[in-house]
C-alpha cells in the first residue's frame, strides 16, 4: 500500500530478457511447475524401457550391459557435475539478491538517520524523498523485475534524491563530513538497486539451458537400453533417476529469476523501512 495521498506508481512494461520458451514455468505455481517439469517427464521416462523391450529382445539388451554401464557412469558423472554446478550458481545468485535488497534497505535507513544532522528544510525534503523512493521501489520495481525490467518511477525518485542532496549547502567541517557520508550512502543505494535489476533477468544463459535440458533427456534415455531381468524394477529405477534429474532442473528454474515466480526475494526489508519512516507499507 502506498503512503496516504500518493497516487499509484506505474510500472514499466515488460522490456527485459524474455528468456527461453520454457521459462513460462517460472510464473506458474510451484506445484504446477513440478507436475510439468518433474511429473510428466518421469511418466514418459518410465514408459521408455517398456517400449524398448517390445522392440529389442532382453537377450540383446543384456549383452550390452557391461559396455553400456561403463558409458552410463561417464555420462552420469558429467551431467551430475554440470547440474550441480548450475544449482550452486543460481543458489548463490539468489542469496546475493537477498543481500543486495538488505544492503539497499540498510543504506536507506542510514540516510534517514543522517538527516538529523542537516537543517530542518532539507531534512524534511530528504525524508519525504526517501519515503517516496521506497514506495516507488516496492510498487514499481518489484512488479517490473518479474519481467526483467525496471520501474521509471523508481529511477525518477532516485534522481530526485540526488537533487535534494546536492542542493544541501554544508557549512563547517562537520557539515562537509556529514554531506560526504550522505552522498556515500546514496551511492550505495544506487549500486544495490543496479545490481538487483541486473540479477532480475536471471543468471543462466540460454545455451546452458539447452545443455541442461538435452542432457537430462539423454541421461534418462540412456537407461532404456539396459537389460534388467525384471522389467518392473528397471522401470522404477528409471523413474527414480528421472525424478532426481528433473527435480534439480526445477530448482534451477524456480530460483534463476530471484524476483519472479513462486520462490522469489520479497521487499520485506524495504516495507519495514516505511514503518520506520512513519508510513504504512
C-alpha atoms as a PDB file:
ATOM      1  CA  UNK A   1       0.000   0.000   0.000  1.00  0.00           C
ATOM      2  CA  UNK A   2       1.214   3.490  -0.797  1.00  0.00           C
ATOM      3  CA  UNK A   3       1.571   6.216   1.781  1.00  0.00           C
ATOM      4  CA  UNK A   4      -1.596   8.291   2.105  1.00  0.00           C
ATOM      5  CA  UNK A   5      -2.026  10.953  -0.527  1.00  0.00           C
ATOM      6  CA  UNK A   6       0.116   9.222  -3.128  1.00  0.00           C
ATOM      7  CA  UNK A   7      -1.151   8.085  -6.495  1.00  0.00           C
ATOM      8  CA  UNK A   8      -0.355   4.589  -7.723  1.00  0.00           C
ATOM      9  CA  UNK A   9       3.003   4.276  -9.412  1.00  0.00           C
ATOM     10  CA  UNK A  10       3.011   2.981 -12.957  1.00  0.00           C
ATOM     11  CA  UNK A  11       5.364   0.121 -13.629  1.00  0.00           C
ATOM     12  CA  UNK A  12       7.491  -0.327 -16.664  1.00  0.00           C
ATOM     13  CA  UNK A  13       6.296  -2.564 -19.412  1.00  0.00           C
ATOM     14  CA  UNK A  14       7.983  -5.879 -19.795  1.00  0.00           C
ATOM     15  CA  UNK A  15      11.119  -4.997 -21.621  1.00  0.00           C
ATOM     16  CA  UNK A  16      13.615  -7.412 -20.073  1.00  0.00           C
ATOM     17  CA  UNK A  17      15.035 -10.580 -21.495  1.00  0.00           C
ATOM     18  CA  UNK A  18      12.199 -12.867 -22.442  1.00  0.00           C
ATOM     19  CA  UNK A  19      14.309 -15.978 -21.987  1.00  0.00           C
ATOM     20  CA  UNK A  20      13.777 -19.438 -23.465  1.00  0.00           C
ATOM     21  CA  UNK A  21      10.266 -20.671 -24.202  1.00  0.00           C
ATOM     22  CA  UNK A  22      10.184 -22.950 -21.169  1.00  0.00           C
ATOM     23  CA  UNK A  23      10.725 -20.018 -18.809  1.00  0.00           C
ATOM     24  CA  UNK A  24       6.944 -19.608 -18.556  1.00  0.00           C
ATOM     25  CA  UNK A  25       7.329 -22.245 -15.826  1.00  0.00           C
ATOM     26  CA  UNK A  26       8.755 -19.522 -13.582  1.00  0.00           C
ATOM     27  CA  UNK A  27       5.442 -17.673 -13.475  1.00  0.00           C
ATOM     28  CA  UNK A  28       3.405 -20.789 -12.597  1.00  0.00           C
ATOM     29  CA  UNK A  29       2.652 -22.018  -9.060  1.00  0.00           C
ATOM     30  CA  UNK A  30       5.434 -24.244  -7.809  1.00  0.00           C
ATOM     31  CA  UNK A  31       3.229 -27.337  -7.632  1.00  0.00           C
ATOM     32  CA  UNK A  32       2.134 -26.895 -11.240  1.00  0.00           C
ATOM     33  CA  UNK A  33       5.713 -26.330 -12.388  1.00  0.00           C
ATOM     34  CA  UNK A  34       6.652 -29.523 -10.531  1.00  0.00           C
ATOM     35  CA  UNK A  35       3.987 -31.509 -12.358  1.00  0.00           C
ATOM     36  CA  UNK A  36       5.031 -30.167 -15.768  1.00  0.00           C
ATOM     37  CA  UNK A  37       8.771 -30.337 -15.243  1.00  0.00           C
ATOM     38  CA  UNK A  38       9.104 -33.410 -12.999  1.00  0.00           C
ATOM     39  CA  UNK A  39       5.883 -35.425 -13.121  1.00  0.00           C
ATOM     40  CA  UNK A  40       5.254 -35.560 -16.865  1.00  0.00           C
ATOM     41  CA  UNK A  41       8.872 -36.275 -17.918  1.00  0.00           C
ATOM     42  CA  UNK A  42       9.093 -39.012 -15.277  1.00  0.00           C
ATOM     43  CA  UNK A  43       5.886 -40.605 -16.526  1.00  0.00           C
ATOM     44  CA  UNK A  44       7.206 -40.560 -20.094  1.00  0.00           C
ATOM     45  CA  UNK A  45      10.608 -41.896 -18.965  1.00  0.00           C
ATOM     46  CA  UNK A  46       9.006 -44.853 -17.195  1.00  0.00           C
ATOM     47  CA  UNK A  47       7.360 -45.930 -20.436  1.00  0.00           C
ATOM     48  CA  UNK A  48      10.731 -45.830 -22.188  1.00  0.00           C
ATOM     49  CA  UNK A  49      12.096 -49.212 -21.027  1.00  0.00           C
ATOM     50  CA  UNK A  50       8.762 -50.859 -21.805  1.00  0.00           C
ATOM     51  CA  UNK A  51       8.727 -49.541 -25.378  1.00  0.00           C
ATOM     52  CA  UNK A  52      12.361 -50.512 -25.969  1.00  0.00           C
ATOM     53  CA  UNK A  53      11.771 -54.017 -24.580  1.00  0.00           C
ATOM     54  CA  UNK A  54       8.942 -54.527 -27.075  1.00  0.00           C
ATOM     55  CA  UNK A  55      11.256 -53.753 -29.997  1.00  0.00           C
ATOM     56  CA  UNK A  56      14.552 -55.205 -28.716  1.00  0.00           C
ATOM     57  CA  UNK A  57      14.769 -58.569 -27.007  1.00  0.00           C
ATOM     58  CA  UNK A  58      16.021 -58.926 -23.458  1.00  0.00           C
ATOM     59  CA  UNK A  59      18.880 -61.138 -24.610  1.00  0.00           C
ATOM     60  CA  UNK A  60      20.219 -58.490 -26.984  1.00  0.00           C
ATOM     61  CA  UNK A  61      19.917 -55.737 -24.378  1.00  0.00           C
ATOM     62  CA  UNK A  62      21.630 -57.852 -21.749  1.00  0.00           C
ATOM     63  CA  UNK A  63      24.728 -58.347 -23.879  1.00  0.00           C
ATOM     64  CA  UNK A  64      25.260 -54.559 -23.863  1.00  0.00           C
ATOM     65  CA  UNK A  65      25.001 -54.130 -20.089  1.00  0.00           C
ATOM     66  CA  UNK A  66      28.722 -54.150 -19.377  1.00  0.00           C
ATOM     67  CA  UNK A  67      29.687 -51.613 -22.057  1.00  0.00           C
ATOM     68  CA  UNK A  68      26.553 -49.537 -21.505  1.00  0.00           C
ATOM     69  CA  UNK A  69      27.192 -49.473 -17.753  1.00  0.00           C
ATOM     70  CA  UNK A  70      30.686 -48.074 -18.238  1.00  0.00           C
ATOM     71  CA  UNK A  71      29.456 -45.408 -20.658  1.00  0.00           C
ATOM     72  CA  UNK A  72      26.492 -44.515 -18.439  1.00  0.00           C
ATOM     73  CA  UNK A  73      28.810 -43.988 -15.481  1.00  0.00           C
ATOM     74  CA  UNK A  74      30.781 -41.465 -17.533  1.00  0.00           C
ATOM     75  CA  UNK A  75      27.670 -39.726 -18.876  1.00  0.00           C
ATOM     76  CA  UNK A  76      26.031 -39.666 -15.461  1.00  0.00           C
ATOM     77  CA  UNK A  77      29.047 -38.142 -13.723  1.00  0.00           C
ATOM     78  CA  UNK A  78      29.471 -35.471 -16.396  1.00  0.00           C
ATOM     79  CA  UNK A  79      25.815 -34.452 -16.241  1.00  0.00           C
ATOM     80  CA  UNK A  80      25.714 -34.592 -12.445  1.00  0.00           C
ATOM     81  CA  UNK A  81      28.665 -32.186 -12.253  1.00  0.00           C
ATOM     82  CA  UNK A  82      27.013 -29.818 -14.733  1.00  0.00           C
ATOM     83  CA  UNK A  83      23.664 -29.936 -12.928  1.00  0.00           C
ATOM     84  CA  UNK A  84      25.239 -29.430  -9.505  1.00  0.00           C
ATOM     85  CA  UNK A  85      27.293 -26.510 -10.813  1.00  0.00           C
ATOM     86  CA  UNK A  86      24.172 -24.820 -12.214  1.00  0.00           C
ATOM     87  CA  UNK A  87      22.243 -25.326  -8.954  1.00  0.00           C
ATOM     88  CA  UNK A  88      25.088 -23.860  -6.886  1.00  0.00           C
ATOM     89  CA  UNK A  89      25.422 -20.841  -9.197  1.00  0.00           C
ATOM     90  CA  UNK A  90      21.722 -19.926  -9.123  1.00  0.00           C
ATOM     91  CA  UNK A  91      21.528 -20.550  -5.366  1.00  0.00           C
ATOM     92  CA  UNK A  92      24.447 -18.191  -4.765  1.00  0.00           C
ATOM     93  CA  UNK A  93      22.864 -15.576  -7.033  1.00  0.00           C
ATOM     94  CA  UNK A  94      19.569 -15.907  -5.163  1.00  0.00           C
ATOM     95  CA  UNK A  95      21.325 -15.354  -1.844  1.00  0.00           C
ATOM     96  CA  UNK A  96      23.235 -12.415  -3.315  1.00  0.00           C
ATOM     97  CA  UNK A  97      19.950 -10.863  -4.467  1.00  0.00           C
ATOM     98  CA  UNK A  98      18.630 -11.077  -0.898  1.00  0.00           C
ATOM     99  CA  UNK A  99      21.811  -9.426   0.369  1.00  0.00           C
ATOM    100  CA  UNK A 100      21.510  -6.612  -2.178  1.00  0.00           C
ATOM    101  CA  UNK A 101      17.970  -5.839  -1.020  1.00  0.00           C
ATOM    102  CA  UNK A 102      19.168  -5.827   2.591  1.00  0.00           C
ATOM    103  CA  UNK A 103      22.108  -3.598   1.629  1.00  0.00           C
ATOM    104  CA  UNK A 104      19.790  -1.162  -0.114  1.00  0.00           C
ATOM    105  CA  UNK A 105      17.464  -1.068   2.881  1.00  0.00           C
ATOM    106  CA  UNK A 106      20.392  -0.577   5.262  1.00  0.00           C
ATOM    107  CA  UNK A 107      21.768   2.353   3.262  1.00  0.00           C
ATOM    108  CA  UNK A 108      18.312   3.965   3.111  1.00  0.00           C
ATOM    109  CA  UNK A 109      17.872   3.580   6.877  1.00  0.00           C
ATOM    110  CA  UNK A 110      21.304   5.124   7.466  1.00  0.00           C
ATOM    111  CA  UNK A 111      20.424   8.010   5.145  1.00  0.00           C
ATOM    112  CA  UNK A 112      17.234   8.657   7.073  1.00  0.00           C
ATOM    113  CA  UNK A 113      19.136   8.838  10.353  1.00  0.00           C
ATOM    114  CA  UNK A 114      21.847  11.063   8.910  1.00  0.00           C
ATOM    115  CA  UNK A 115      19.204  13.663   8.101  1.00  0.00           C
ATOM    116  CA  UNK A 116      19.158  14.556  11.810  1.00  0.00           C
ATOM    117  CA  UNK A 117      22.389  16.426  11.189  1.00  0.00           C
ATOM    118  CA  UNK A 118      21.162  18.761   8.439  1.00  0.00           C
ATOM    119  CA  UNK A 119      18.961  21.840   8.591  1.00  0.00           C
ATOM    120  CA  UNK A 120      15.191  21.415   9.021  1.00  0.00           C
ATOM    121  CA  UNK A 121      14.018  22.223   5.484  1.00  0.00           C
ATOM    122  CA  UNK A 122      16.482  19.891   3.784  1.00  0.00           C
ATOM    123  CA  UNK A 123      15.765  17.223   6.390  1.00  0.00           C
ATOM    124  CA  UNK A 124      12.029  17.335   5.655  1.00  0.00           C
ATOM    125  CA  UNK A 125      12.579  17.211   1.881  1.00  0.00           C
ATOM    126  CA  UNK A 126      15.090  14.373   2.057  1.00  0.00           C
ATOM    127  CA  UNK A 127      12.967  12.255   4.387  1.00  0.00           C
ATOM    128  CA  UNK A 128       9.937  12.732   2.155  1.00  0.00           C
ATOM    129  CA  UNK A 129      12.050  11.805  -0.857  1.00  0.00           C
ATOM    130  CA  UNK A 130      13.303   8.648   0.852  1.00  0.00           C
ATOM    131  CA  UNK A 131       9.736   7.603   1.621  1.00  0.00           C
ATOM    132  CA  UNK A 132       8.664   8.198  -1.975  1.00  0.00           C
ATOM    133  CA  UNK A 133      11.629   6.226  -3.300  1.00  0.00           C
ATOM    134  CA  UNK A 134      10.939   3.212  -1.058  1.00  0.00           C
ATOM    135  CA  UNK A 135       7.248   3.221  -2.025  1.00  0.00           C
ATOM    136  CA  UNK A 136       8.128   3.539  -5.728  1.00  0.00           C
ATOM    137  CA  UNK A 137      10.591   0.661  -5.448  1.00  0.00           C
ATOM    138  CA  UNK A 138       8.090  -1.671  -3.783  1.00  0.00           C
ATOM    139  CA  UNK A 139       5.146  -0.801  -6.008  1.00  0.00           C
ATOM    140  CA  UNK A 140       7.104  -0.234  -9.214  1.00  0.00           C
ATOM    141  CA  UNK A 141      10.414  -2.078  -9.340  1.00  0.00           C
ATOM    142  CA  UNK A 142       9.191  -5.365  -7.895  1.00  0.00           C
ATOM    143  CA  UNK A 143       6.378  -5.984 -10.429  1.00  0.00           C
ATOM    144  CA  UNK A 144       8.679  -4.802 -13.250  1.00  0.00           C
ATOM    145  CA  UNK A 145      11.533  -7.084 -12.148  1.00  0.00           C
ATOM    146  CA  UNK A 146       9.291 -10.107 -12.674  1.00  0.00           C
ATOM    147  CA  UNK A 147       9.815  -9.379 -16.379  1.00  0.00           C
ATOM    148  CA  UNK A 148      13.476  -8.384 -16.061  1.00  0.00           C
ATOM    149  CA  UNK A 149      12.579  -4.680 -16.380  1.00  0.00           C
ATOM    150  CA  UNK A 150      12.778  -1.619 -14.125  1.00  0.00           C
ATOM    151  CA  UNK A 151      10.268   0.990 -12.998  1.00  0.00           C
ATOM    152  CA  UNK A 152      10.773   4.537 -14.390  1.00  0.00           C
ATOM    153  CA  UNK A 153       9.051   5.907 -11.290  1.00  0.00           C
ATOM    154  CA  UNK A 154      11.678   4.384  -9.010  1.00  0.00           C
ATOM    155  CA  UNK A 155      14.506   5.806 -11.122  1.00  0.00           C
ATOM    156  CA  UNK A 156      12.873   9.237 -11.092  1.00  0.00           C
ATOM    157  CA  UNK A 157      12.557   9.181  -7.315  1.00  0.00           C
ATOM    158  CA  UNK A 158      16.233   8.204  -7.041  1.00  0.00           C
ATOM    159  CA  UNK A 159      17.175  11.113  -9.304  1.00  0.00           C
ATOM    160  CA  UNK A 160      15.086  13.368  -7.088  1.00  0.00           C
ATOM    161  CA  UNK A 161      17.030  12.176  -4.039  1.00  0.00           C
ATOM    162  CA  UNK A 162      20.290  13.207  -5.691  1.00  0.00           C
ATOM    163  CA  UNK A 163      18.875  16.639  -6.498  1.00  0.00           C
ATOM    164  CA  UNK A 164      17.788  17.129  -2.899  1.00  0.00           C
ATOM    165  CA  UNK A 165      21.155  16.002  -1.507  1.00  0.00           C
ATOM    166  CA  UNK A 166      23.167  18.107  -3.951  1.00  0.00           C
ATOM    167  CA  UNK A 167      21.107  21.166  -3.014  1.00  0.00           C
ATOM    168  CA  UNK A 168      22.342  20.926   0.589  1.00  0.00           C
ATOM    169  CA  UNK A 169      24.970  23.557   1.346  1.00  0.00           C
ATOM    170  CA  UNK A 170      27.333  22.171   4.010  1.00  0.00           C
ATOM    171  CA  UNK A 171      28.948  24.822   6.142  1.00  0.00           C
ATOM    172  CA  UNK A 172      31.545  23.848   8.704  1.00  0.00           C
ATOM    173  CA  UNK A 173      33.883  20.862   8.673  1.00  0.00           C
ATOM    174  CA  UNK A 174      31.314  18.700  10.449  1.00  0.00           C
ATOM    175  CA  UNK A 175      28.759  19.577   7.807  1.00  0.00           C
ATOM    176  CA  UNK A 176      31.142  18.647   4.987  1.00  0.00           C
ATOM    177  CA  UNK A 177      31.869  15.291   6.605  1.00  0.00           C
ATOM    178  CA  UNK A 178      28.158  14.623   7.052  1.00  0.00           C
ATOM    179  CA  UNK A 179      27.447  15.663   3.464  1.00  0.00           C
ATOM    180  CA  UNK A 180      30.116  13.277   2.181  1.00  0.00           C
ATOM    181  CA  UNK A 181      28.657  10.394   4.174  1.00  0.00           C
ATOM    182  CA  UNK A 182      25.133  11.142   2.882  1.00  0.00           C
ATOM    183  CA  UNK A 183      26.412  11.024  -0.690  1.00  0.00           C
ATOM    184  CA  UNK A 184      28.259   7.779   0.048  1.00  0.00           C
ATOM    185  CA  UNK A 185      25.119   6.110   1.409  1.00  0.00           C
ATOM    186  CA  UNK A 186      23.107   7.332  -1.569  1.00  0.00           C
ATOM    187  CA  UNK A 187      25.719   5.828  -3.873  1.00  0.00           C
ATOM    188  CA  UNK A 188      25.322   2.515  -2.029  1.00  0.00           C
ATOM    189  CA  UNK A 189      21.572   2.674  -2.659  1.00  0.00           C
ATOM    190  CA  UNK A 190      22.199   3.282  -6.364  1.00  0.00           C
ATOM    191  CA  UNK A 191      24.694   0.427  -6.583  1.00  0.00           C
ATOM    192  CA  UNK A 192      22.421  -2.042  -4.783  1.00  0.00           C
ATOM    193  CA  UNK A 193      19.457  -1.092  -6.988  1.00  0.00           C
ATOM    194  CA  UNK A 194      21.502  -1.502 -10.161  1.00  0.00           C
ATOM    195  CA  UNK A 195      22.742  -4.919  -9.018  1.00  0.00           C
ATOM    196  CA  UNK A 196      19.280  -6.271  -8.221  1.00  0.00           C
ATOM    197  CA  UNK A 197      17.925  -5.026 -11.565  1.00  0.00           C
ATOM    198  CA  UNK A 198      20.696  -6.925 -13.340  1.00  0.00           C
ATOM    199  CA  UNK A 199      20.023 -10.062 -11.278  1.00  0.00           C
ATOM    200  CA  UNK A 200      16.306  -9.908 -12.119  1.00  0.00           C
ATOM    201  CA  UNK A 201      16.965 -11.140 -15.657  1.00  0.00           C
ATOM    202  CA  UNK A 202      18.460 -14.424 -14.426  1.00  0.00           C
ATOM    203  CA  UNK A 203      21.968 -15.849 -14.391  1.00  0.00           C
ATOM    204  CA  UNK A 204      21.732 -18.997 -16.537  1.00  0.00           C
ATOM    205  CA  UNK A 205      22.484 -18.290 -20.236  1.00  0.00           C
ATOM    206  CA  UNK A 206      20.269 -19.775 -22.943  1.00  0.00           C
ATOM    207  CA  UNK A 207      22.980 -22.128 -24.186  1.00  0.00           C
ATOM    208  CA  UNK A 208      23.327 -23.660 -20.724  1.00  0.00           C
ATOM    209  CA  UNK A 209      19.554 -24.174 -20.518  1.00  0.00           C
ATOM    210  CA  UNK A 210      19.751 -26.076 -23.797  1.00  0.00           C
ATOM    211  CA  UNK A 211      22.571 -28.270 -22.498  1.00  0.00           C
ATOM    212  CA  UNK A 212      20.811 -28.884 -19.174  1.00  0.00           C
ATOM    213  CA  UNK A 213      17.526 -29.985 -20.717  1.00  0.00           C
ATOM    214  CA  UNK A 214      19.038 -32.006 -23.541  1.00  0.00           C
ATOM    215  CA  UNK A 215      21.441 -33.623 -21.068  1.00  0.00           C
ATOM    216  CA  UNK A 216      18.529 -34.571 -18.804  1.00  0.00           C
ATOM    217  CA  UNK A 217      16.733 -36.251 -21.688  1.00  0.00           C
ATOM    218  CA  UNK A 218      19.839 -38.086 -22.922  1.00  0.00           C
ATOM    219  CA  UNK A 219      20.910 -39.253 -19.464  1.00  0.00           C
ATOM    220  CA  UNK A 220      17.449 -40.584 -18.675  1.00  0.00           C
ATOM    221  CA  UNK A 221      17.044 -42.199 -22.096  1.00  0.00           C
ATOM    222  CA  UNK A 222      20.392 -43.979 -21.661  1.00  0.00           C
ATOM    223  CA  UNK A 223      18.777 -46.233 -19.043  1.00  0.00           C
ATOM    224  CA  UNK A 224      16.252 -47.532 -21.584  1.00  0.00           C
ATOM    225  CA  UNK A 225      18.922 -49.672 -23.229  1.00  0.00           C
ATOM    226  CA  UNK A 226      19.932 -51.669 -20.177  1.00  0.00           C
ATOM    227  CA  UNK A 227      18.700 -55.233 -19.962  1.00  0.00           C
ATOM    228  CA  UNK A 228      17.396 -55.909 -16.443  1.00  0.00           C
ATOM    229  CA  UNK A 229      15.698 -59.268 -15.993  1.00  0.00           C
ATOM    230  CA  UNK A 230      12.909 -57.645 -14.015  1.00  0.00           C
ATOM    231  CA  UNK A 231      11.359 -55.005 -16.283  1.00  0.00           C
ATOM    232  CA  UNK A 232       9.300 -53.518 -13.444  1.00  0.00           C
ATOM    233  CA  UNK A 233      12.437 -52.871 -11.384  1.00  0.00           C
ATOM    234  CA  UNK A 234      14.164 -51.256 -14.363  1.00  0.00           C
ATOM    235  CA  UNK A 235      11.136 -49.037 -14.953  1.00  0.00           C
ATOM    236  CA  UNK A 236      11.072 -47.930 -11.322  1.00  0.00           C
ATOM    237  CA  UNK A 237      14.802 -47.181 -11.322  1.00  0.00           C
ATOM    238  CA  UNK A 238      14.397 -45.105 -14.483  1.00  0.00           C
ATOM    239  CA  UNK A 239      11.563 -43.178 -12.833  1.00  0.00           C
ATOM    240  CA  UNK A 240      13.648 -42.512  -9.722  1.00  0.00           C
ATOM    241  CA  UNK A 241      16.533 -41.225 -11.836  1.00  0.00           C
ATOM    242  CA  UNK A 242      14.168 -39.005 -13.802  1.00  0.00           C
ATOM    243  CA  UNK A 243      12.677 -37.519 -10.615  1.00  0.00           C
ATOM    244  CA  UNK A 244      16.143 -36.733  -9.290  1.00  0.00           C
ATOM    245  CA  UNK A 245      17.363 -35.101 -12.507  1.00  0.00           C
ATOM    246  CA  UNK A 246      14.254 -33.067 -13.273  1.00  0.00           C
ATOM    247  CA  UNK A 247      13.899 -32.005  -9.634  1.00  0.00           C
ATOM    248  CA  UNK A 248      17.330 -30.414  -9.964  1.00  0.00           C
ATOM    249  CA  UNK A 249      16.120 -28.602 -13.083  1.00  0.00           C
ATOM    250  CA  UNK A 250      13.019 -27.467 -11.184  1.00  0.00           C
ATOM    251  CA  UNK A 251      15.211 -25.899  -8.518  1.00  0.00           C
ATOM    252  CA  UNK A 252      17.174 -24.009 -11.168  1.00  0.00           C
ATOM    253  CA  UNK A 253      14.021 -22.815 -12.946  1.00  0.00           C
ATOM    254  CA  UNK A 254      12.402 -21.739  -9.661  1.00  0.00           C
ATOM    255  CA  UNK A 255      15.254 -19.559  -8.375  1.00  0.00           C
ATOM    256  CA  UNK A 256      17.118 -18.482 -11.527  1.00  0.00           C
ATOM    257  CA  UNK A 257      14.994 -15.301 -11.602  1.00  0.00           C
ATOM    258  CA  UNK A 258      15.211 -14.219  -7.942  1.00  0.00           C
ATOM    259  CA  UNK A 259      12.455 -11.591  -8.191  1.00  0.00           C
ATOM    260  CA  UNK A 260       9.891 -13.641 -10.129  1.00  0.00           C
ATOM    261  CA  UNK A 261       7.851 -16.780  -9.620  1.00  0.00           C
ATOM    262  CA  UNK A 262       6.685 -18.634  -6.540  1.00  0.00           C
ATOM    263  CA  UNK A 263      10.149 -18.625  -4.954  1.00  0.00           C
ATOM    264  CA  UNK A 264      11.382 -15.041  -5.031  1.00  0.00           C
ATOM    265  CA  UNK A 265      13.029 -12.347  -2.965  1.00  0.00           C
ATOM    266  CA  UNK A 266      10.377 -10.194  -1.319  1.00  0.00           C
ATOM    267  CA  UNK A 267      10.749  -6.479  -0.432  1.00  0.00           C
ATOM    268  CA  UNK A 268      10.209  -7.120   3.278  1.00  0.00           C
ATOM    269  CA  UNK A 269      13.299  -5.149   4.282  1.00  0.00           C
ATOM    270  CA  UNK A 270      12.056  -2.140   2.318  1.00  0.00           C
ATOM    271  CA  UNK A 271       8.478  -2.480   3.601  1.00  0.00           C
ATOM    272  CA  UNK A 272       9.826  -2.353   7.145  1.00  0.00           C
ATOM    273  CA  UNK A 273      11.503   0.949   6.285  1.00  0.00           C
ATOM    274  CA  UNK A 274       8.152   2.570   5.503  1.00  0.00           C
ATOM    275  CA  UNK A 275       7.034   1.720   9.019  1.00  0.00           C
ATOM    276  CA  UNK A 276      10.271   3.185  10.395  1.00  0.00           C
ATOM    277  CA  UNK A 277       9.791   6.292   8.277  1.00  0.00           C
ATOM    278  CA  UNK A 278       6.262   6.746   9.644  1.00  0.00           C
ATOM    279  CA  UNK A 279       4.344   5.491   6.593  1.00  0.00           C
ATOM    280  CA  UNK A 280       2.145   2.452   6.162  1.00  0.00           C
ATOM    281  CA  UNK A 281       3.523  -0.143   3.705  1.00  0.00           C
END
